[in-house]
Amino acid sequence: MLTPSDNELLCHVGPGTPMGDLMRRYWVPSLLPTELPSPDCPPLRLRLLSEDLVAFRDTSGKVGIVKEACPHRGASLFFGRNEEAGLRCVYHGWKFDIDGACVDMPNEPAESNFKHKIRATAYVAREQGGIIWEVDETAWVRGSYRFAFRWAVETEEAPC
């Protein structure tokens, strides 16, 4: 029988918790590819490991997963427009790519480099084996990013 403190230690997976930090080191199945059916389709809300996230498929078909709150004013990126290789916030029009980099700020002069200083919290996403997987970017940088499941096939053919 677990004590209440042991139960809390093992069951809470939010950011900054021991189990949450452990789980973020590994690939987590997040959604099915059919939930993001085509490039530039509407974004999708999801909640993983006690975090509110938004998933979207950019113009080239790559999947991006970012925190729901825009880094500027905290507006929900779920209501943003998925257009031209990025997700545009409806509040001030800042656009973020799948890596979380701000690629457009319509309210800044063209010569401004402020957009290069802003990033949305993004997670590394890969589509393999009929599932879209997500891992924390810090785990990706640390090197625990190996993504080779023997059962996951890259082609449309089923394994023998």
C-alpha atoms as a PDB file:
ATOM      1  CA  MET A   1       0.000   0.000   0.000  1.00  0.00           C
ATOM      2  CA  LEU A   2       1.384   3.396  -0.989  1.00  0.00           C
ATOM      3  CA  THR A   3       1.443   6.314   1.369  1.00  0.00           C
ATOM      4  CA  PRO A   4      -0.308   9.481   0.140  1.00  0.00           C
ATOM      5  CA  SER A   5       3.074  11.150  -0.439  1.00  0.00           C
ATOM      6  CA  ASP A   6       4.396   8.155  -2.442  1.00  0.00           C
ATOM      7  CA  ASN A   7       1.182   8.123  -4.466  1.00  0.00           C
ATOM      8  CA  GLU A   8       1.562  11.824  -5.239  1.00  0.00           C
ATOM      9  CA  LEU A   9       5.214  11.304  -6.192  1.00  0.00           C
ATOM     10  CA  LEU A  10       4.314   8.549  -8.672  1.00  0.00           C
ATOM     11  CA  CYS A  11       1.074   9.930 -10.100  1.00  0.00           C
ATOM     12  CA  HIS A  12       1.695  13.638 -10.649  1.00  0.00           C
ATOM     13  CA  VAL A  13       3.215  14.157 -14.096  1.00  0.00           C
ATOM     14  CA  GLY A  14       3.048  17.931 -14.465  1.00  0.00           C
ATOM     15  CA  PRO A  15       6.070  20.068 -15.336  1.00  0.00           C
ATOM     16  CA  GLY A  16       8.646  20.189 -12.568  1.00  0.00           C
ATOM     17  CA  THR A  17       7.449  17.030 -10.809  1.00  0.00           C
ATOM     18  CA  PRO A  18       9.798  14.036 -10.449  1.00  0.00           C
ATOM     19  CA  MET A  19       7.593  11.675 -12.477  1.00  0.00           C
ATOM     20  CA  GLY A  20       6.819  14.396 -15.020  1.00  0.00           C
ATOM     21  CA  ASP A  21      10.527  15.017 -15.546  1.00  0.00           C
ATOM     22  CA  LEU A  22      11.095  11.288 -15.989  1.00  0.00           C
ATOM     23  CA  MET A  23       8.236  10.836 -18.466  1.00  0.00           C
ATOM     24  CA  ARG A  24       9.399  13.792 -20.562  1.00  0.00           C
ATOM     25  CA  ARG A  25      12.658  11.965 -21.336  1.00  0.00           C
ATOM     26  CA  TYR A  26      10.825   9.405 -23.447  1.00  0.00           C
ATOM     27  CA  TRP A  27       8.705   9.466 -26.583  1.00  0.00           C
ATOM     28  CA  VAL A  28       5.012   9.759 -25.703  1.00  0.00           C
ATOM     29  CA  PRO A  29       2.243   8.739 -28.128  1.00  0.00           C
ATOM     30  CA  SER A  30       0.203  11.896 -28.563  1.00  0.00           C
ATOM     31  CA  LEU A  31      -2.352  11.515 -31.368  1.00  0.00           C
ATOM     32  CA  LEU A  32      -3.263   9.706 -34.547  1.00  0.00           C
ATOM     33  CA  PRO A  33      -2.261  11.108 -37.952  1.00  0.00           C
ATOM     34  CA  THR A  34      -5.928  11.089 -38.993  1.00  0.00           C
ATOM     35  CA  GLU A  35      -6.605  13.767 -36.361  1.00  0.00           C
ATOM     36  CA  LEU A  36      -4.417  16.132 -38.416  1.00  0.00           C
ATOM     37  CA  PRO A  37      -5.546  14.956 -41.851  1.00  0.00           C
ATOM     38  CA  SER A  38      -3.895  17.423 -44.217  1.00  0.00           C
ATOM     39  CA  PRO A  39      -1.360  20.259 -44.408  1.00  0.00           C
ATOM     40  CA  ASP A  40      -2.651  23.564 -43.015  1.00  0.00           C
ATOM     41  CA  CYS A  41      -5.671  21.842 -41.416  1.00  0.00           C
ATOM     42  CA  PRO A  42      -7.171  23.428 -38.280  1.00  0.00           C
ATOM     43  CA  PRO A  43      -5.054  23.022 -35.117  1.00  0.00           C
ATOM     44  CA  LEU A  44      -5.983  20.443 -32.505  1.00  0.00           C
ATOM     45  CA  ARG A  45      -6.008  20.820 -28.718  1.00  0.00           C
ATOM     46  CA  LEU A  46      -4.466  18.070 -26.657  1.00  0.00           C
ATOM     47  CA  ARG A  47      -3.411  17.575 -23.065  1.00  0.00           C
ATOM     48  CA  LEU A  48      -0.293  15.518 -22.387  1.00  0.00           C
ATOM     49  CA  LEU A  49       1.432  15.094 -19.034  1.00  0.00           C
ATOM     50  CA  SER A  50      -0.752  17.819 -17.469  1.00  0.00           C
ATOM     51  CA  GLU A  51       0.162  20.397 -20.120  1.00  0.00           C
ATOM     52  CA  ASP A  52      -2.239  22.111 -22.516  1.00  0.00           C
ATOM     53  CA  LEU A  53      -0.804  21.817 -26.027  1.00  0.00           C
ATOM     54  CA  VAL A  54      -1.777  22.529 -29.623  1.00  0.00           C
ATOM     55  CA  ALA A  55      -0.851  20.254 -32.513  1.00  0.00           C
ATOM     56  CA  PHE A  56      -0.834  21.352 -36.139  1.00  0.00           C
ATOM     57  CA  ARG A  57       0.406  20.150 -39.512  1.00  0.00           C
ATOM     58  CA  ASP A  58       2.299  22.798 -41.463  1.00  0.00           C
ATOM     59  CA  THR A  59       2.229  23.425 -45.212  1.00  0.00           C
ATOM     60  CA  SER A  60       4.947  20.826 -45.881  1.00  0.00           C
ATOM     61  CA  GLY A  61       3.043  18.180 -43.876  1.00  0.00           C
ATOM     62  CA  LYS A  62       5.306  18.181 -40.798  1.00  0.00           C
ATOM     63  CA  VAL A  63       3.653  18.012 -37.388  1.00  0.00           C
ATOM     64  CA  GLY A  64       4.279  20.646 -34.750  1.00  0.00           C
ATOM     65  CA  ILE A  65       3.266  20.525 -31.086  1.00  0.00           C
ATOM     66  CA  VAL A  66       3.497  23.754 -29.063  1.00  0.00           C
ATOM     67  CA  LYS A  67       2.213  24.986 -25.721  1.00  0.00           C
ATOM     68  CA  GLU A  68      -1.276  26.389 -26.087  1.00  0.00           C
ATOM     69  CA  ALA A  69      -0.449  29.819 -24.642  1.00  0.00           C
ATOM     70  CA  CYS A  70       1.197  32.294 -27.003  1.00  0.00           C
ATOM     71  CA  PRO A  71       4.433  33.616 -25.426  1.00  0.00           C
ATOM     72  CA  HIS A  72       3.327  37.197 -26.090  1.00  0.00           C
ATOM     73  CA  ARG A  73       0.019  37.659 -24.266  1.00  0.00           C
ATOM     74  CA  GLY A  74      -0.984  34.102 -23.416  1.00  0.00           C
ATOM     75  CA  ALA A  75      -3.748  33.911 -26.023  1.00  0.00           C
ATOM     76  CA  SER A  76      -4.689  30.378 -27.047  1.00  0.00           C
ATOM     77  CA  LEU A  77      -2.876  29.266 -30.195  1.00  0.00           C
ATOM     78  CA  PHE A  78      -5.749  26.829 -30.746  1.00  0.00           C
ATOM     79  CA  PHE A  79      -7.700  29.754 -32.194  1.00  0.00           C
ATOM     80  CA  GLY A  80      -4.757  30.675 -34.430  1.00  0.00           C
ATOM     81  CA  ARG A  81      -4.638  30.309 -38.194  1.00  0.00           C
ATOM     82  CA  ASN A  82      -2.550  27.476 -39.585  1.00  0.00           C
ATOM     83  CA  GLU A  83      -1.084  29.031 -42.722  1.00  0.00           C
ATOM     84  CA  GLU A  84       2.065  29.141 -44.844  1.00  0.00           C
ATOM     85  CA  ALA A  85       4.309  26.867 -42.724  1.00  0.00           C
ATOM     86  CA  GLY A  86       3.276  28.216 -39.342  1.00  0.00           C
ATOM     87  CA  LEU A  87       0.602  28.832 -36.745  1.00  0.00           C
ATOM     88  CA  ARG A  88      -0.438  32.484 -36.486  1.00  0.00           C
ATOM     89  CA  CYS A  89      -1.757  33.802 -33.154  1.00  0.00           C
ATOM     90  CA  VAL A  90      -5.068  35.625 -33.503  1.00  0.00           C
ATOM     91  CA  TYR A  91      -4.188  38.242 -30.880  1.00  0.00           C
ATOM     92  CA  HIS A  92      -1.304  40.125 -32.541  1.00  0.00           C
ATOM     93  CA  GLY A  93      -0.550  37.944 -35.558  1.00  0.00           C
ATOM     94  CA  TRP A  94       2.776  36.472 -34.455  1.00  0.00           C
ATOM     95  CA  LYS A  95       3.499  33.295 -36.428  1.00  0.00           C
ATOM     96  CA  PHE A  96       5.410  30.282 -35.064  1.00  0.00           C
ATOM     97  CA  ASP A  97       6.845  27.338 -36.986  1.00  0.00           C
ATOM     98  CA  ILE A  98       6.894  23.689 -35.833  1.00  0.00           C
ATOM     99  CA  ASP A  99      10.103  24.318 -33.861  1.00  0.00           C
ATOM    100  CA  GLY A 100       8.543  27.204 -31.930  1.00  0.00           C
ATOM    101  CA  ALA A 101      10.576  29.908 -33.692  1.00  0.00           C
ATOM    102  CA  CYS A 102       8.757  33.152 -34.369  1.00  0.00           C
ATOM    103  CA  VAL A 103       8.880  33.586 -38.147  1.00  0.00           C
ATOM    104  CA  ASP A 104       6.650  36.642 -38.585  1.00  0.00           C
ATOM    105  CA  MET A 105       5.686  39.706 -36.531  1.00  0.00           C
ATOM    106  CA  PRO A 106       3.465  41.977 -38.573  1.00  0.00           C
ATOM    107  CA  ASN A 107       3.485  44.707 -35.912  1.00  0.00           C
ATOM    108  CA  GLU A 108       7.301  45.112 -36.045  1.00  0.00           C
ATOM    109  CA  PRO A 109       9.288  46.989 -38.700  1.00  0.00           C
ATOM    110  CA  ALA A 110      10.871  44.803 -41.375  1.00  0.00           C
ATOM    111  CA  GLU A 111      14.403  45.607 -40.178  1.00  0.00           C
ATOM    112  CA  SER A 112      13.621  44.582 -36.579  1.00  0.00           C
ATOM    113  CA  ASN A 113      15.293  41.420 -35.270  1.00  0.00           C
ATOM    114  CA  PHE A 114      12.937  41.090 -32.293  1.00  0.00           C
ATOM    115  CA  LYS A 115      11.223  38.025 -33.785  1.00  0.00           C
ATOM    116  CA  HIS A 116      14.502  36.099 -33.537  1.00  0.00           C
ATOM    117  CA  LYS A 117      14.445  36.546 -29.749  1.00  0.00           C
ATOM    118  CA  ILE A 118      10.957  35.059 -29.247  1.00  0.00           C
ATOM    119  CA  ARG A 119      10.158  31.334 -29.110  1.00  0.00           C
ATOM    120  CA  ALA A 120       7.043  29.369 -28.302  1.00  0.00           C
ATOM    121  CA  THR A 121       7.627  26.265 -26.203  1.00  0.00           C
ATOM    122  CA  ALA A 122       7.682  23.495 -28.783  1.00  0.00           C
ATOM    123  CA  TYR A 123       8.021  19.736 -28.570  1.00  0.00           C
ATOM    124  CA  VAL A 124       9.723  17.461 -31.063  1.00  0.00           C
ATOM    125  CA  ALA A 125       7.090  15.431 -32.943  1.00  0.00           C
ATOM    126  CA  ARG A 126       7.557  12.456 -35.261  1.00  0.00           C
ATOM    127  CA  GLU A 127       5.007  10.465 -37.211  1.00  0.00           C
ATOM    128  CA  GLN A 128       5.829   6.765 -37.278  1.00  0.00           C
ATOM    129  CA  GLY A 129       3.958   3.485 -37.054  1.00  0.00           C
ATOM    130  CA  GLY A 130       0.564   5.128 -37.458  1.00  0.00           C
ATOM    131  CA  ILE A 131       1.060   7.341 -34.380  1.00  0.00           C
ATOM    132  CA  ILE A 132       2.353  10.861 -33.834  1.00  0.00           C
ATOM    133  CA  TRP A 133       4.948  10.764 -31.046  1.00  0.00           C
ATOM    134  CA  GLU A 134       6.171  13.674 -28.941  1.00  0.00           C
ATOM    135  CA  VAL A 135       9.242  14.216 -26.773  1.00  0.00           C
ATOM    136  CA  ASP A 136      10.409  17.207 -24.743  1.00  0.00           C
ATOM    137  CA  GLU A 137      12.906  19.341 -26.660  1.00  0.00           C
ATOM    138  CA  THR A 138      15.409  19.228 -23.776  1.00  0.00           C
ATOM    139  CA  ALA A 139      15.440  15.419 -23.972  1.00  0.00           C
ATOM    140  CA  TRP A 140      16.021  15.749 -27.716  1.00  0.00           C
ATOM    141  CA  VAL A 141      19.011  18.038 -27.101  1.00  0.00           C
ATOM    142  CA  ARG A 142      20.399  15.752 -24.366  1.00  0.00           C
ATOM    143  CA  GLY A 143      20.491  12.903 -26.853  1.00  0.00           C
ATOM    144  CA  SER A 144      17.752  10.603 -25.536  1.00  0.00           C
ATOM    145  CA  TYR A 145      15.973  10.973 -28.854  1.00  0.00           C
ATOM    146  CA  ARG A 146      16.581   7.610 -30.468  1.00  0.00           C
ATOM    147  CA  PHE A 147      13.548   6.927 -32.537  1.00  0.00           C
ATOM    148  CA  ALA A 148      13.764   3.466 -33.995  1.00  0.00           C
ATOM    149  CA  PHE A 149      10.988   1.100 -33.062  1.00  0.00           C
ATOM    150  CA  ARG A 150      11.437  -2.296 -34.681  1.00  0.00           C
ATOM    151  CA  TRP A 151       7.680  -2.668 -35.144  1.00  0.00           C
ATOM    152  CA  ALA A 152       7.222   0.750 -36.738  1.00  0.00           C
ATOM    153  CA  VAL A 153       7.483   0.643 -40.496  1.00  0.00           C
ATOM    154  CA  GLU A 154       8.354   3.680 -42.613  1.00  0.00           C
ATOM    155  CA  THR A 155       6.560   2.399 -45.709  1.00  0.00           C
ATOM    156  CA  GLU A 156       2.929   1.634 -46.365  1.00  0.00           C
ATOM    157  CA  GLU A 157       3.662  -2.101 -46.465  1.00  0.00           C
ATOM    158  CA  ALA A 158       2.829  -4.212 -43.437  1.00  0.00           C
ATOM    159  CA  PRO A 159       5.727  -6.110 -41.811  1.00  0.00           C
ATOM    160  CA  CYS A 160       5.948  -9.854 -42.547  1.00  0.00           C
END
